[in-house]
Amino acid sequence: MLSLQLLGTPLIRLETQAITHFRSAKSLALLVYLAMERGTPHSRASLMTLLWPDQPEENGRQNLS
């Protein structure tokens, strides 16, 4: 079970293990966004535009990977 506490310092748990390291703030933002919008399909293109609106598509694709 995935648990997210987002008020104050974010606390992410998978089962009983705290997840403390994210590659970037945007990777944490992506996790939170997808968790809040669960059940809604999101295309890679829309996520790239959301997180990296000013970068070329190729850069966004690499960042999302």
N, C-alpha and C. Protein backbone atom coordinates (compact mmCIF):
# COMPACT_ATOMS: atom_id res chain seq x y z
N MET A 1 0.84 -1.17 0.00
CA MET A 1 0.00 0.00 0.00
C MET A 1 0.89 1.24 0.00
N LEU A 2 0.54 2.19 -0.82
CA LEU A 2 1.25 3.46 -0.91
C LEU A 2 0.52 4.49 -0.07
N SER A 3 1.26 5.19 0.77
CA SER A 3 0.70 6.21 1.64
C SER A 3 1.45 7.52 1.41
N LEU A 4 0.68 8.61 1.22
CA LEU A 4 1.28 9.93 1.02
C LEU A 4 0.71 10.89 2.06
N GLN A 5 1.59 11.56 2.78
CA GLN A 5 1.21 12.65 3.68
C GLN A 5 1.86 13.89 3.10
N LEU A 6 1.03 14.86 2.71
CA LEU A 6 1.55 15.97 1.92
C LEU A 6 1.50 17.32 2.61
N LEU A 7 0.95 17.41 3.79
CA LEU A 7 0.98 18.67 4.53
C LEU A 7 2.30 18.76 5.28
N GLY A 8 2.96 19.89 5.17
CA GLY A 8 4.30 20.01 5.76
C GLY A 8 5.30 19.29 4.87
N THR A 9 6.29 18.68 5.47
CA THR A 9 7.28 17.91 4.72
C THR A 9 6.61 16.64 4.21
N PRO A 10 6.70 16.38 2.90
CA PRO A 10 6.05 15.19 2.37
C PRO A 10 6.62 13.90 2.99
N LEU A 11 5.74 12.98 3.31
CA LEU A 11 6.12 11.67 3.83
C LEU A 11 5.46 10.64 2.94
N ILE A 12 6.29 9.85 2.26
CA ILE A 12 5.81 8.84 1.35
C ILE A 12 6.21 7.49 1.93
N ARG A 13 5.27 6.58 2.02
CA ARG A 13 5.54 5.23 2.53
C ARG A 13 5.01 4.20 1.54
N LEU A 14 5.80 3.15 1.35
CA LEU A 14 5.37 1.98 0.60
C LEU A 14 5.37 0.84 1.58
N GLU A 15 4.16 0.36 1.90
CA GLU A 15 3.95 -0.57 3.01
C GLU A 15 4.44 0.12 4.28
N THR A 16 5.49 -0.38 4.92
CA THR A 16 5.99 0.25 6.14
C THR A 16 7.31 0.99 5.92
N GLN A 17 7.79 0.98 4.69
CA GLN A 17 9.09 1.60 4.40
C GLN A 17 8.92 3.03 3.89
N ALA A 18 9.61 3.96 4.53
CA ALA A 18 9.58 5.35 4.09
C ALA A 18 10.43 5.50 2.83
N ILE A 19 9.90 6.22 1.87
CA ILE A 19 10.63 6.53 0.64
C ILE A 19 11.15 7.96 0.83
N THR A 20 12.45 8.08 0.93
CA THR A 20 13.03 9.38 1.28
C THR A 20 13.84 10.00 0.16
N HIS A 21 14.20 9.24 -0.85
CA HIS A 21 15.06 9.79 -1.89
C HIS A 21 14.31 9.84 -3.22
N PHE A 22 14.23 11.02 -3.77
CA PHE A 22 13.68 11.20 -5.11
C PHE A 22 14.77 11.84 -5.96
N ARG A 23 14.82 11.47 -7.21
CA ARG A 23 15.85 11.99 -8.11
C ARG A 23 15.77 13.51 -8.24
N SER A 24 14.55 14.03 -8.17
CA SER A 24 14.36 15.48 -8.28
C SER A 24 13.03 15.86 -7.64
N ALA A 25 12.84 17.14 -7.44
CA ALA A 25 11.56 17.63 -6.92
C ALA A 25 10.43 17.34 -7.91
N LYS A 26 10.75 17.35 -9.20
CA LYS A 26 9.71 17.08 -10.20
C LYS A 26 9.29 15.62 -10.18
N SER A 27 10.19 14.70 -9.81
CA SER A 27 9.78 13.30 -9.72
C SER A 27 8.80 13.11 -8.56
N LEU A 28 9.02 13.81 -7.46
CA LEU A 28 8.07 13.79 -6.35
C LEU A 28 6.75 14.44 -6.79
N ALA A 29 6.84 15.55 -7.49
CA ALA A 29 5.63 16.23 -7.98
C ALA A 29 4.84 15.32 -8.92
N LEU A 30 5.53 14.57 -9.76
CA LEU A 30 4.85 13.65 -10.68
C LEU A 30 4.12 12.56 -9.90
N LEU A 31 4.77 11.99 -8.89
CA LEU A 31 4.13 10.97 -8.06
C LEU A 31 2.87 11.52 -7.40
N VAL A 32 2.98 12.69 -6.82
CA VAL A 32 1.83 13.30 -6.14
C VAL A 32 0.71 13.59 -7.14
N TYR A 33 1.06 14.15 -8.29
CA TYR A 33 0.06 14.46 -9.31
C TYR A 33 -0.68 13.20 -9.76
N LEU A 34 0.07 12.14 -10.05
CA LEU A 34 -0.56 10.91 -10.52
C LEU A 34 -1.40 10.26 -9.42
N ALA A 35 -0.95 10.36 -8.19
CA ALA A 35 -1.73 9.80 -7.08
C ALA A 35 -3.03 10.57 -6.89
N MET A 36 -2.97 11.89 -7.02
CA MET A 36 -4.17 12.70 -6.84
C MET A 36 -5.14 12.54 -8.01
N GLU A 37 -4.62 12.23 -9.16
CA GLU A 37 -5.43 12.07 -10.37
C GLU A 37 -5.61 10.61 -10.75
N ARG A 38 -5.51 9.72 -9.76
CA ARG A 38 -5.58 8.29 -10.07
C ARG A 38 -6.91 7.97 -10.74
N GLY A 39 -6.86 6.99 -11.59
CA GLY A 39 -8.06 6.62 -12.33
C GLY A 39 -8.24 7.41 -13.61
N THR A 40 -7.44 8.45 -13.79
CA THR A 40 -7.49 9.27 -15.00
C THR A 40 -6.26 8.97 -15.84
N PRO A 41 -6.45 8.50 -17.06
CA PRO A 41 -5.27 8.24 -17.90
C PRO A 41 -4.60 9.56 -18.30
N HIS A 42 -3.28 9.53 -18.33
CA HIS A 42 -2.49 10.70 -18.73
C HIS A 42 -1.50 10.28 -19.80
N SER A 43 -1.47 11.01 -20.87
CA SER A 43 -0.51 10.70 -21.93
C SER A 43 0.87 11.22 -21.52
N ARG A 44 1.87 10.60 -22.08
CA ARG A 44 3.24 11.06 -21.82
C ARG A 44 3.39 12.51 -22.28
N ALA A 45 2.77 12.85 -23.41
CA ALA A 45 2.87 14.21 -23.94
C ALA A 45 2.28 15.22 -22.97
N SER A 46 1.14 14.91 -22.37
CA SER A 46 0.54 15.87 -21.43
C SER A 46 1.38 16.01 -20.17
N LEU A 47 1.98 14.92 -19.71
CA LEU A 47 2.85 15.00 -18.52
C LEU A 47 4.12 15.79 -18.83
N MET A 48 4.67 15.59 -20.02
CA MET A 48 5.87 16.36 -20.40
C MET A 48 5.55 17.84 -20.46
N THR A 49 4.41 18.19 -21.01
CA THR A 49 4.01 19.59 -21.10
C THR A 49 3.76 20.19 -19.72
N LEU A 50 3.18 19.41 -18.83
CA LEU A 50 2.91 19.87 -17.48
C LEU A 50 4.20 20.16 -16.72
N LEU A 51 5.17 19.26 -16.82
CA LEU A 51 6.39 19.38 -16.01
C LEU A 51 7.52 20.18 -16.68
N TRP A 52 7.59 20.13 -17.99
CA TRP A 52 8.67 20.82 -18.71
C TRP A 52 8.09 21.58 -19.90
N PRO A 53 7.28 22.59 -19.65
CA PRO A 53 6.58 23.27 -20.75
C PRO A 53 7.51 24.04 -21.70
N ASP A 54 8.68 24.43 -21.23
CA ASP A 54 9.56 25.26 -22.06
C ASP A 54 10.68 24.47 -22.72
N GLN A 55 10.68 23.15 -22.54
CA GLN A 55 11.75 22.34 -23.12
C GLN A 55 11.28 21.63 -24.37
N PRO A 56 12.21 21.33 -25.26
CA PRO A 56 11.84 20.55 -26.46
C PRO A 56 11.28 19.18 -26.05
N GLU A 57 10.47 18.61 -26.91
CA GLU A 57 9.82 17.33 -26.62
C GLU A 57 10.84 16.25 -26.29
N GLU A 58 11.94 16.21 -27.00
CA GLU A 58 12.96 15.19 -26.75
C GLU A 58 13.50 15.27 -25.32
N ASN A 59 13.74 16.48 -24.83
CA ASN A 59 14.22 16.65 -23.45
C ASN A 59 13.16 16.19 -22.46
N GLY A 60 11.92 16.56 -22.71
CA GLY A 60 10.84 16.14 -21.84
C GLY A 60 10.71 14.64 -21.81
N ARG A 61 10.84 14.00 -22.95
CA ARG A 61 10.76 12.54 -23.03
C ARG A 61 11.88 11.90 -22.21
N GLN A 62 13.09 12.41 -22.33
CA GLN A 62 14.22 11.89 -21.55
C GLN A 62 14.01 12.10 -20.06
N ASN A 63 13.54 13.28 -19.68
CA ASN A 63 13.29 13.58 -18.27
C ASN A 63 12.22 12.66 -17.69
N LEU A 64 11.19 12.38 -18.46
CA LEU A 64 10.10 11.55 -17.98
C LEU A 64 10.54 10.09 -17.82
N SER A 65 11.49 9.68 -18.64
CA SER A 65 11.98 8.30 -18.52
C SER A 65 12.75 8.13 -17.24
